[in-house]
Amino acid sequence: MQRLIPSWMRAEVHLVAVSGKSEGGSVRLIMLLLSVVFGILPLLGIVWTITNGSLTTVDGLFISLILLTLSGLFFLNALFECRDCGYIKLSGKEKTAPAAKK
C-alpha cells in the first residue's frame, strides 16, 4: 500500500490519520477569508473608478459591471462557505419525511 501513495502525499495522509480532522476545518476558514478579501478588492476598484472620474464613460461602466460581478461571485462563495461551516442558516425548505400511509 505504501508504494501506491506518492511520497509527497504520505505526510498529509499521516496527519489526517493522527489528528482525525477529515473535514478540513482550517481549509474552509481560509477559503472563507480569501473569498471575503477577494470580494472587497473589486469594490476598491469601483471606488478608484469613481474617484478617477471615468465612471460615466463606456469603459468605466463596463469595468464597474465586471468588478461588481466578480465581487458578487466571491461574496456568494463566502455565503456558501458560511452555510457549510454552520455560521449561518439560510431559510428554505426543510427536508421532512412524508407522512406514512395507512
PDB file of N, CA and C in Angstrom:
ATOM      1  N   MET A   1       0.819  -1.202   0.000  1.00  0.00           N
ATOM      2  CA  MET A   1       0.000   0.000   0.000  1.00  0.00           C
ATOM      3  C   MET A   1       0.855   1.254   0.000  1.00  0.00           C
ATOM      4  N   GLN A   2       1.992   1.215   0.655  1.00  0.00           N
ATOM      5  CA  GLN A   2       2.867   2.381   0.718  1.00  0.00           C
ATOM      6  C   GLN A   2       3.378   2.783  -0.660  1.00  0.00           C
ATOM      7  N   ARG A   3       3.546   1.819  -1.547  1.00  0.00           N
ATOM      8  CA  ARG A   3       4.071   2.130  -2.871  1.00  0.00           C
ATOM      9  C   ARG A   3       3.033   2.841  -3.730  1.00  0.00           C
ATOM     10  N   LEU A   4       1.746   2.647  -3.446  1.00  0.00           N
ATOM     11  CA  LEU A   4       0.699   3.278  -4.243  1.00  0.00           C
ATOM     12  C   LEU A   4       0.538   4.756  -3.917  1.00  0.00           C
ATOM     13  N   ILE A   5       0.915   5.165  -2.715  1.00  0.00           N
ATOM     14  CA  ILE A   5       0.790   6.555  -2.305  1.00  0.00           C
ATOM     15  C   ILE A   5       2.104   7.274  -2.588  1.00  0.00           C
ATOM     16  N   PRO A   6       2.088   8.357  -3.366  1.00  0.00           N
ATOM     17  CA  PRO A   6       3.325   9.096  -3.609  1.00  0.00           C
ATOM     18  C   PRO A   6       3.899   9.655  -2.311  1.00  0.00           C
ATOM     19  N   SER A   7       5.191   9.894  -2.330  1.00  0.00           N
ATOM     20  CA  SER A   7       5.877  10.328  -1.103  1.00  0.00           C
ATOM     21  C   SER A   7       5.376  11.675  -0.617  1.00  0.00           C
ATOM     22  N   TRP A   8       4.973  12.569  -1.495  1.00  0.00           N
ATOM     23  CA  TRP A   8       4.522  13.886  -1.070  1.00  0.00           C
ATOM     24  C   TRP A   8       3.140  13.826  -0.415  1.00  0.00           C
ATOM     25  N   MET A   9       2.394  12.733  -0.629  1.00  0.00           N
ATOM     26  CA  MET A   9       1.077  12.591  -0.015  1.00  0.00           C
ATOM     27  C   MET A   9       1.114  11.811   1.296  1.00  0.00           C
ATOM     28  N   ARG A  10       2.185  11.107   1.567  1.00  0.00           N
ATOM     29  CA  ARG A  10       2.244  10.269   2.757  1.00  0.00           C
ATOM     30  C   ARG A  10       2.139  11.084   4.038  1.00  0.00           C
ATOM     31  N   ALA A  11       2.813  12.224   4.094  1.00  0.00           N
ATOM     32  CA  ALA A  11       2.770  13.046   5.303  1.00  0.00           C
ATOM     33  C   ALA A  11       1.361  13.575   5.533  1.00  0.00           C
ATOM     34  N   GLU A  12       0.675  13.966   4.455  1.00  0.00           N
ATOM     35  CA  GLU A  12      -0.679  14.503   4.598  1.00  0.00           C
ATOM     36  C   GLU A  12      -1.645  13.421   5.062  1.00  0.00           C
ATOM     37  N   VAL A  13      -1.526  12.227   4.523  1.00  0.00           N
ATOM     38  CA  VAL A  13      -2.385  11.132   4.943  1.00  0.00           C
ATOM     39  C   VAL A  13      -2.115  10.802   6.397  1.00  0.00           C
ATOM     40  N   HIS A  14      -0.851  10.845   6.792  1.00  0.00           N
ATOM     41  CA  HIS A  14      -0.492  10.566   8.183  1.00  0.00           C
ATOM     42  C   HIS A  14      -1.059  11.632   9.115  1.00  0.00           C
ATOM     43  N   LEU A  15      -1.005  12.901   8.709  1.00  0.00           N
ATOM     44  CA  LEU A  15      -1.534  13.971   9.548  1.00  0.00           C
ATOM     45  C   LEU A  15      -3.041  13.837   9.730  1.00  0.00           C
ATOM     46  N   VAL A  16      -3.750  13.461   8.697  1.00  0.00           N
ATOM     47  CA  VAL A  16      -5.191  13.281   8.804  1.00  0.00           C
ATOM     48  C   VAL A  16      -5.501  12.101   9.723  1.00  0.00           C
ATOM     49  N   ALA A  17      -4.700  11.046   9.617  1.00  0.00           N
ATOM     50  CA  ALA A  17      -4.940   9.869  10.445  1.00  0.00           C
ATOM     51  C   ALA A  17      -4.660  10.168  11.914  1.00  0.00           C
ATOM     52  N   VAL A  18      -3.642  10.987  12.183  1.00  0.00           N
ATOM     53  CA  VAL A  18      -3.286  11.292  13.567  1.00  0.00           C
ATOM     54  C   VAL A  18      -4.249  12.298  14.179  1.00  0.00           C
ATOM     55  N   SER A  19      -4.564  13.368  13.435  1.00  0.00           N
ATOM     56  CA  SER A  19      -5.391  14.432  14.007  1.00  0.00           C
ATOM     57  C   SER A  19      -6.874  14.089  13.987  1.00  0.00           C
ATOM     58  N   GLY A  20      -7.290  13.246  13.061  1.00  0.00           N
ATOM     59  CA  GLY A  20      -8.696  12.881  12.976  1.00  0.00           C
ATOM     60  C   GLY A  20      -9.548  13.933  12.293  1.00  0.00           C
ATOM     61  N   LYS A  21      -8.943  14.958  11.718  1.00  0.00           N
ATOM     62  CA  LYS A  21      -9.691  16.002  11.011  1.00  0.00           C
ATOM     63  C   LYS A  21      -9.754  15.644   9.536  1.00  0.00           C
ATOM     64  N   SER A  22     -10.892  15.176   9.104  1.00  0.00           N
ATOM     65  CA  SER A  22     -11.061  14.877   7.692  1.00  0.00           C
ATOM     66  C   SER A  22     -11.970  15.894   7.016  1.00  0.00           C
ATOM     67  N   GLU A  23     -12.556  16.801   7.782  1.00  0.00           N
ATOM     68  CA  GLU A  23     -13.477  17.788   7.223  1.00  0.00           C
ATOM     69  C   GLU A  23     -12.746  18.993   6.644  1.00  0.00           C
ATOM     70  N   GLY A  24     -11.516  19.240   7.029  1.00  0.00           N
ATOM     71  CA  GLY A  24     -10.784  20.385   6.522  1.00  0.00           C
ATOM     72  C   GLY A  24     -11.246  21.682   7.138  1.00  0.00           C
ATOM     73  N   GLY A  25     -11.321  21.745   8.453  1.00  0.00           N
ATOM     74  CA  GLY A  25     -11.822  22.928   9.138  1.00  0.00           C
ATOM     75  C   GLY A  25     -10.999  24.171   8.876  1.00  0.00           C
ATOM     76  N   SER A  26      -9.685  24.064   8.907  1.00  0.00           N
ATOM     77  CA  SER A  26      -8.853  25.238   8.676  1.00  0.00           C
ATOM     78  C   SER A  26      -8.869  25.642   7.207  1.00  0.00           C
ATOM     79  N   VAL A  27      -9.027  24.684   6.317  1.00  0.00           N
ATOM     80  CA  VAL A  27      -9.086  24.998   4.890  1.00  0.00           C
ATOM     81  C   VAL A  27     -10.356  25.785   4.591  1.00  0.00           C
ATOM     82  N   ARG A  28     -11.455  25.416   5.220  1.00  0.00           N
ATOM     83  CA  ARG A  28     -12.717  26.146   4.998  1.00  0.00           C
ATOM     84  C   ARG A  28     -12.620  27.566   5.524  1.00  0.00           C
ATOM     85  N   LEU A  29     -11.961  27.735   6.677  1.00  0.00           N
ATOM     86  CA  LEU A  29     -11.809  29.070   7.233  1.00  0.00           C
ATOM     87  C   LEU A  29     -10.940  29.937   6.329  1.00  0.00           C
ATOM     88  N   ILE A  30      -9.874  29.371   5.791  1.00  0.00           N
ATOM     89  CA  ILE A  30      -9.007  30.115   4.877  1.00  0.00           C
ATOM     90  C   ILE A  30      -9.754  30.463   3.595  1.00  0.00           C
ATOM     91  N   MET A  31     -10.551  29.526   3.079  1.00  0.00           N
ATOM     92  CA  MET A  31     -11.344  29.814   1.884  1.00  0.00           C
ATOM     93  C   MET A  31     -12.354  30.920   2.145  1.00  0.00           C
ATOM     94  N   LEU A  32     -12.924  30.932   3.335  1.00  0.00           N
ATOM     95  CA  LEU A  32     -13.873  31.982   3.702  1.00  0.00           C
ATOM     96  C   LEU A  32     -13.180  33.335   3.749  1.00  0.00           C
ATOM     97  N   LEU A  33     -12.025  33.390   4.381  1.00  0.00           N
ATOM     98  CA  LEU A  33     -11.289  34.654   4.470  1.00  0.00           C
ATOM     99  C   LEU A  33     -10.823  35.137   3.108  1.00  0.00           C
ATOM    100  N   LEU A  34     -10.332  34.218   2.271  1.00  0.00           N
ATOM    101  CA  LEU A  34      -9.897  34.609   0.931  1.00  0.00           C
ATOM    102  C   LEU A  34     -11.073  35.094   0.086  1.00  0.00           C
ATOM    103  N   SER A  35     -12.222  34.460   0.234  1.00  0.00           N
ATOM    104  CA  SER A  35     -13.397  34.894  -0.529  1.00  0.00           C
ATOM    105  C   SER A  35     -13.822  36.299  -0.128  1.00  0.00           C
ATOM    106  N   VAL A  36     -13.753  36.604   1.172  1.00  0.00           N
ATOM    107  CA  VAL A  36     -14.124  37.950   1.625  1.00  0.00           C
ATOM    108  C   VAL A  36     -13.111  38.980   1.136  1.00  0.00           C
ATOM    109  N   VAL A  37     -11.825  38.646   1.227  1.00  0.00           N
ATOM    110  CA  VAL A  37     -10.794  39.586   0.769  1.00  0.00           C
ATOM    111  C   VAL A  37     -10.903  39.816  -0.727  1.00  0.00           C
ATOM    112  N   PHE A  38     -11.071  38.727  -1.498  1.00  0.00           N
ATOM    113  CA  PHE A  38     -11.197  38.874  -2.948  1.00  0.00           C
ATOM    114  C   PHE A  38     -12.537  39.472  -3.352  1.00  0.00           C
ATOM    115  N   GLY A  39     -13.509  39.503  -2.456  1.00  0.00           N
ATOM    116  CA  GLY A  39     -14.769  40.186  -2.717  1.00  0.00           C
ATOM    117  C   GLY A  39     -14.661  41.678  -2.475  1.00  0.00           C
ATOM    118  N   ILE A  40     -13.780  42.077  -1.567  1.00  0.00           N
ATOM    119  CA  ILE A  40     -13.589  43.501  -1.263  1.00  0.00           C
ATOM    120  C   ILE A  40     -12.715  44.180  -2.311  1.00  0.00           C
ATOM    121  N   LEU A  41     -11.745  43.477  -2.857  1.00  0.00           N
ATOM    122  CA  LEU A  41     -10.826  44.084  -3.828  1.00  0.00           C
ATOM    123  C   LEU A  41     -11.524  44.676  -5.056  1.00  0.00           C
ATOM    124  N   PRO A  42     -12.488  43.990  -5.694  1.00  0.00           N
ATOM    125  CA  PRO A  42     -13.176  44.633  -6.818  1.00  0.00           C
ATOM    126  C   PRO A  42     -13.970  45.873  -6.406  1.00  0.00           C
ATOM    127  N   LEU A  43     -14.485  45.893  -5.178  1.00  0.00           N
ATOM    128  CA  LEU A  43     -15.193  47.093  -4.716  1.00  0.00           C
ATOM    129  C   LEU A  43     -14.239  48.277  -4.598  1.00  0.00           C
ATOM    130  N   LEU A  44     -12.997  48.003  -4.212  1.00  0.00           N
ATOM    131  CA  LEU A  44     -11.990  49.069  -4.189  1.00  0.00           C
ATOM    132  C   LEU A  44     -11.685  49.566  -5.600  1.00  0.00           C
ATOM    133  N   GLY A  45     -11.743  48.658  -6.578  1.00  0.00           N
ATOM    134  CA  GLY A  45     -11.567  49.067  -7.974  1.00  0.00           C
ATOM    135  C   GLY A  45     -12.690  49.963  -8.447  1.00  0.00           C
ATOM    136  N   ILE A  46     -13.903  49.716  -7.980  1.00  0.00           N
ATOM    137  CA  ILE A  46     -15.034  50.584  -8.337  1.00  0.00           C
ATOM    138  C   ILE A  46     -14.870  51.951  -7.694  1.00  0.00           C
ATOM    139  N   VAL A  47     -14.407  51.966  -6.447  1.00  0.00           N
ATOM    140  CA  VAL A  47     -14.152  53.251  -5.777  1.00  0.00           C
ATOM    141  C   VAL A  47     -13.082  54.028  -6.532  1.00  0.00           C
ATOM    142  N   TRP A  48     -12.055  53.336  -7.006  1.00  0.00           N
ATOM    143  CA  TRP A  48     -10.997  54.007  -7.779  1.00  0.00           C
ATOM    144  C   TRP A  48     -11.558  54.545  -9.089  1.00  0.00           C
ATOM    145  N   THR A  49     -12.456  53.797  -9.740  1.00  0.00           N
ATOM    146  CA  THR A  49     -13.069  54.262 -10.987  1.00  0.00           C
ATOM    147  C   THR A  49     -13.920  55.504 -10.743  1.00  0.00           C
ATOM    148  N   ILE A  50     -14.616  55.541  -9.625  1.00  0.00           N
ATOM    149  CA  ILE A  50     -15.444  56.711  -9.300  1.00  0.00           C
ATOM    150  C   ILE A  50     -14.566  57.918  -9.006  1.00  0.00           C
ATOM    151  N   THR A  51     -13.515  57.724  -8.197  1.00  0.00           N
ATOM    152  CA  THR A  51     -12.642  58.857  -7.852  1.00  0.00           C
ATOM    153  C   THR A  51     -11.824  59.317  -9.049  1.00  0.00           C
ATOM    154  N   ASN A  52     -11.561  58.425  -9.977  1.00  0.00           N
ATOM    155  CA  ASN A  52     -10.816  58.792 -11.175  1.00  0.00           C
ATOM    156  C   ASN A  52     -11.677  59.611 -12.130  1.00  0.00           C
ATOM    157  N   GLY A  53     -12.992  59.522 -11.979  1.00  0.00           N
ATOM    158  CA  GLY A  53     -13.895  60.299 -12.823  1.00  0.00           C
ATOM    159  C   GLY A  53     -14.263  59.620 -14.119  1.00  0.00           C
ATOM    160  N   SER A  54     -13.931  58.351 -14.267  1.00  0.00           N
ATOM    161  CA  SER A  54     -14.228  57.664 -15.526  1.00  0.00           C
ATOM    162  C   SER A  54     -15.435  56.742 -15.426  1.00  0.00           C
ATOM    163  N   LEU A  55     -16.285  56.947 -14.428  1.00  0.00           N
ATOM    164  CA  LEU A  55     -17.461  56.100 -14.276  1.00  0.00           C
ATOM    165  C   LEU A  55     -18.487  56.362 -15.376  1.00  0.00           C
ATOM    166  N   THR A  56     -18.541  57.583 -15.880  1.00  0.00           N
ATOM    167  CA  THR A  56     -19.559  57.924 -16.873  1.00  0.00           C
ATOM    168  C   THR A  56     -19.162  57.533 -18.293  1.00  0.00           C
ATOM    169  N   THR A  57     -17.949  57.032 -18.484  1.00  0.00           N
ATOM    170  CA  THR A  57     -17.557  56.582 -19.821  1.00  0.00           C
ATOM    171  C   THR A  57     -18.019  55.142 -20.015  1.00  0.00           C
ATOM    172  N   VAL A  58     -18.010  54.692 -21.256  1.00  0.00           N
ATOM    173  CA  VAL A  58     -18.416  53.323 -21.564  1.00  0.00           C
ATOM    174  C   VAL A  58     -17.450  52.338 -20.905  1.00  0.00           C
ATOM    175  N   ASP A  59     -16.164  52.638 -20.958  1.00  0.00           N
ATOM    176  CA  ASP A  59     -15.180  51.762 -20.327  1.00  0.00           C
ATOM    177  C   ASP A  59     -15.398  51.686 -18.818  1.00  0.00           C
ATOM    178  N   GLY A  60     -15.673  52.803 -18.203  1.00  0.00           N
ATOM    179  CA  GLY A  60     -15.894  52.826 -16.766  1.00  0.00           C
ATOM    180  C   GLY A  60     -17.130  52.043 -16.357  1.00  0.00           C
ATOM    181  N   LEU A  61     -18.188  52.146 -17.176  1.00  0.00           N
ATOM    182  CA  LEU A  61     -19.404  51.390 -16.877  1.00  0.00           C
ATOM    183  C   LEU A  61     -19.178  49.890 -16.978  1.00  0.00           C
ATOM    184  N   PHE A  62     -18.485  49.468 -18.037  1.00  0.00           N
ATOM    185  CA  PHE A  62     -18.245  48.033 -18.197  1.00  0.00           C
ATOM    186  C   PHE A  62     -17.270  47.503 -17.149  1.00  0.00           C
ATOM    187  N   ILE A  63     -16.266  48.293 -16.800  1.00  0.00           N
ATOM    188  CA  ILE A  63     -15.354  47.876 -15.736  1.00  0.00           C
ATOM    189  C   ILE A  63     -16.119  47.736 -14.423  1.00  0.00           C
ATOM    190  N   SER A  64     -17.008  48.668 -14.148  1.00  0.00           N
ATOM    191  CA  SER A  64     -17.797  48.593 -12.915  1.00  0.00           C
ATOM    192  C   SER A  64     -18.694  47.366 -12.895  1.00  0.00           C
ATOM    193  N   LEU A  65     -19.317  47.052 -14.045  1.00  0.00           N
ATOM    194  CA  LEU A  65     -20.159  45.864 -14.111  1.00  0.00           C
ATOM    195  C   LEU A  65     -19.354  44.579 -13.914  1.00  0.00           C
ATOM    196  N   ILE A  66     -18.190  44.518 -14.528  1.00  0.00           N
ATOM    197  CA  ILE A  66     -17.338  43.340 -14.384  1.00  0.00           C
ATOM    198  C   ILE A  66     -16.860  43.202 -12.946  1.00  0.00           C
ATOM    199  N   LEU A  67     -16.451  44.308 -12.327  1.00  0.00           N
ATOM    200  CA  LEU A  67     -15.971  44.254 -10.951  1.00  0.00           C
ATOM    201  C   LEU A  67     -17.096  43.912  -9.978  1.00  0.00           C
ATOM    202  N   LEU A  68     -18.298  44.421 -10.229  1.00  0.00           N
ATOM    203  CA  LEU A  68     -19.439  44.047  -9.382  1.00  0.00           C
ATOM    204  C   LEU A  68     -19.769  42.561  -9.508  1.00  0.00           C
ATOM    205  N   THR A  69     -19.651  42.021 -10.717  1.00  0.00           N
ATOM    206  CA  THR A  69     -19.889  40.595 -10.916  1.00  0.00           C
ATOM    207  C   THR A  69     -18.862  39.755 -10.168  1.00  0.00           C
ATOM    208  N   LEU A  70     -17.597  40.138 -10.277  1.00  0.00           N
ATOM    209  CA  LEU A  70     -16.544  39.417  -9.548  1.00  0.00           C
ATOM    210  C   LEU A  70     -16.769  39.477  -8.043  1.00  0.00           C
ATOM    211  N   SER A  71     -17.081  40.654  -7.559  1.00  0.00           N
ATOM    212  CA  SER A  71     -17.312  40.823  -6.133  1.00  0.00           C
ATOM    213  C   SER A  71     -18.511  39.999  -5.677  1.00  0.00           C
ATOM    214  N   GLY A  72     -19.571  40.002  -6.457  1.00  0.00           N
ATOM    215  CA  GLY A  72     -20.751  39.228  -6.114  1.00  0.00           C
ATOM    216  C   GLY A  72     -20.477  37.734  -6.081  1.00  0.00           C
ATOM    217  N   LEU A  73     -19.683  37.240  -7.012  1.00  0.00           N
ATOM    218  CA  LEU A  73     -19.356  35.818  -7.029  1.00  0.00           C
ATOM    219  C   LEU A  73     -18.522  35.418  -5.809  1.00  0.00           C
ATOM    220  N   PHE A  74     -17.555  36.263  -5.448  1.00  0.00           N
ATOM    221  CA  PHE A  74     -16.737  35.949  -4.278  1.00  0.00           C
ATOM    222  C   PHE A  74     -17.558  36.012  -2.992  1.00  0.00           C
ATOM    223  N   PHE A  75     -18.458  36.987  -2.885  1.00  0.00           N
ATOM    224  CA  PHE A  75     -19.296  37.061  -1.697  1.00  0.00           C
ATOM    225  C   PHE A  75     -20.319  35.913  -1.661  1.00  0.00           C
ATOM    226  N   LEU A  76     -20.780  35.455  -2.831  1.00  0.00           N
ATOM    227  CA  LEU A  76     -21.656  34.292  -2.874  1.00  0.00           C
ATOM    228  C   LEU A  76     -20.915  33.044  -2.402  1.00  0.00           C
ATOM    229  N   ASN A  77     -19.650  32.926  -2.808  1.00  0.00           N
ATOM    230  CA  ASN A  77     -18.837  31.810  -2.337  1.00  0.00           C
ATOM    231  C   ASN A  77     -18.640  31.900  -0.826  1.00  0.00           C
ATOM    232  N   ALA A  78     -18.435  33.103  -0.305  1.00  0.00           N
ATOM    233  CA  ALA A  78     -18.285  33.275   1.145  1.00  0.00           C
ATOM    234  C   ALA A  78     -19.582  32.906   1.856  1.00  0.00           C
ATOM    235  N   LEU A  79     -20.724  33.235   1.269  1.00  0.00           N
ATOM    236  CA  LEU A  79     -22.007  32.876   1.860  1.00  0.00           C
ATOM    237  C   LEU A  79     -22.177  31.361   1.924  1.00  0.00           C
ATOM    238  N   PHE A  80     -21.808  30.680   0.844  1.00  0.00           N
ATOM    239  CA  PHE A  80     -21.916  29.225   0.836  1.00  0.00           C
ATOM    240  C   PHE A  80     -20.940  28.581   1.821  1.00  0.00           C
ATOM    241  N   GLU A  81     -19.745  29.157   1.957  1.00  0.00           N
ATOM    242  CA  GLU A  81     -18.793  28.637   2.938  1.00  0.00           C
ATOM    243  C   GLU A  81     -19.329  28.821   4.355  1.00  0.00           C
ATOM    244  N   CYS A  82     -19.938  29.981   4.621  1.00  0.00           N
ATOM    245  CA  CYS A  82     -20.532  30.202   5.952  1.00  0.00           C
ATOM    246  C   CYS A  82     -21.659  29.223   6.214  1.00  0.00           C
ATOM    247  N   ARG A  83     -22.461  28.948   5.190  1.00  0.00           N
ATOM    248  CA  ARG A  83     -23.551  27.989   5.349  1.00  0.00           C
ATOM    249  C   ARG A  83     -23.014  26.588   5.604  1.00  0.00           C
ATOM    250  N   ASP A  84     -21.972  26.198   4.878  1.00  0.00           N
ATOM    251  CA  ASP A  84     -21.412  24.862   5.053  1.00  0.00           C
ATOM    252  C   ASP A  84     -20.727  24.699   6.402  1.00  0.00           C
ATOM    253  N   CYS A  85     -20.120  25.771   6.904  1.00  0.00           N
ATOM    254  CA  CYS A  85     -19.457  25.709   8.219  1.00  0.00           C
ATOM    255  C   CYS A  85     -20.456  25.775   9.356  1.00  0.00           C
ATOM    256  N   GLY A  86     -21.670  26.227   9.082  1.00  0.00           N
ATOM    257  CA  GLY A  86     -22.687  26.321  10.110  1.00  0.00           C
ATOM    258  C   GLY A  86     -22.728  27.669  10.796  1.00  0.00           C
ATOM    259  N   TYR A  87     -22.027  28.669  10.253  1.00  0.00           N
ATOM    260  CA  TYR A  87     -22.060  30.005  10.846  1.00  0.00           C
ATOM    261  C   TYR A  87     -23.419  30.668  10.669  1.00  0.00           C
ATOM    262  N   ILE A  88     -24.062  30.419   9.526  1.00  0.00           N
ATOM    263  CA  ILE A  88     -25.390  30.967   9.270  1.00  0.00           C
ATOM    264  C   ILE A  88     -26.291  29.841   8.782  1.00  0.00           C
ATOM    265  N   LYS A  89     -27.576  30.038   8.955  1.00  0.00           N
ATOM    266  CA  LYS A  89     -28.542  29.067   8.452  1.00  0.00           C
ATOM    267  C   LYS A  89     -29.478  29.802   7.509  1.00  0.00           C
ATOM    268  N   LEU A  90     -29.484  29.397   6.265  1.00  0.00           N
ATOM    269  CA  LEU A  90     -30.341  30.024   5.275  1.00  0.00           C
ATOM    270  C   LEU A  90     -31.741  29.451   5.384  1.00  0.00           C
ATOM    271  N   SER A  91     -32.720  30.330   5.284  1.00  0.00           N
ATOM    272  CA  SER A  91     -34.099  29.853   5.340  1.00  0.00           C
ATOM    273  C   SER A  91     -34.432  29.179   4.018  1.00  0.00           C
ATOM    274  N   GLY A  92     -35.210  28.173   4.096  1.00  0.00           N
ATOM    275  CA  GLY A  92     -35.594  27.430   2.903  1.00  0.00           C
ATOM    276  C   GLY A  92     -36.447  26.261   3.288  1.00  0.00           C
ATOM    277  N   LYS A  93     -36.677  25.424   2.332  1.00  0.00           N
ATOM    278  CA  LYS A  93     -37.490  24.248   2.588  1.00  0.00           C
ATOM    279  C   LYS A  93     -36.700  23.267   3.444  1.00  0.00           C
ATOM    280  N   GLU A  94     -37.308  22.854   4.520  1.00  0.00           N
ATOM    281  CA  GLU A  94     -36.674  21.855   5.362  1.00  0.00           C
ATOM    282  C   GLU A  94     -37.088  20.479   4.875  1.00  0.00           C
ATOM    283  N   LYS A  95     -36.167  19.560   4.928  1.00  0.00           N
ATOM    284  CA  LYS A  95     -36.458  18.214   4.492  1.00  0.00           C
ATOM    285  C   LYS A  95     -37.232  17.490   5.572  1.00  0.00           C
ATOM    286  N   THR A  96     -38.442  17.108   5.236  1.00  0.00           N
ATOM    287  CA  THR A  96     -39.269  16.353   6.172  1.00  0.00           C
ATOM    288  C   THR A  96     -39.679  15.046   5.507  1.00  0.00           C
ATOM    289  N   ALA A  97     -39.843  14.053   6.316  1.00  0.00           N
ATOM    290  CA  ALA A  97     -40.264  12.760   5.802  1.00  0.00           C
ATOM    291  C   ALA A  97     -41.748  12.817   5.452  1.00  0.00           C
ATOM    292  N   PRO A  98     -42.141  12.152   4.373  1.00  0.00           N
ATOM    293  CA  PRO A  98     -43.559  12.153   4.026  1.00  0.00           C
ATOM    294  C   PRO A  98     -44.363  11.374   5.053  1.00  0.00           C
ATOM    295  N   ALA A  99     -45.618  11.740   5.183  1.00  0.00           N
ATOM    296  CA  ALA A  99     -46.493  11.075   6.150  1.00  0.00           C
ATOM    297  C   ALA A  99     -46.718   9.624   5.736  1.00  0.00           C
ATOM    298  N   ALA A 100     -46.760   8.760   6.710  1.00  0.00           N
ATOM    299  CA  ALA A 100     -46.954   7.331   6.437  1.00  0.00           C
ATOM    300  C   ALA A 100     -48.396   7.079   6.014  1.00  0.00           C
ATOM    301  N   LYS A 101     -48.550   6.227   5.028  1.00  0.00           N
ATOM    302  CA  LYS A 101     -49.891   5.874   4.549  1.00  0.00           C
ATOM    303  C   LYS A 101     -50.438   4.727   5.385  1.00  0.00           C
ATOM    304  N   LYS A 102     -51.725   4.764   5.623  1.00  0.00           N
ATOM    305  CA  LYS A 102     -52.369   3.686   6.395  1.00  0.00           C
ATOM    306  C   LYS A 102     -52.932   2.648   5.477  1.00  0.00           C
TER     307      LYS A 102
END
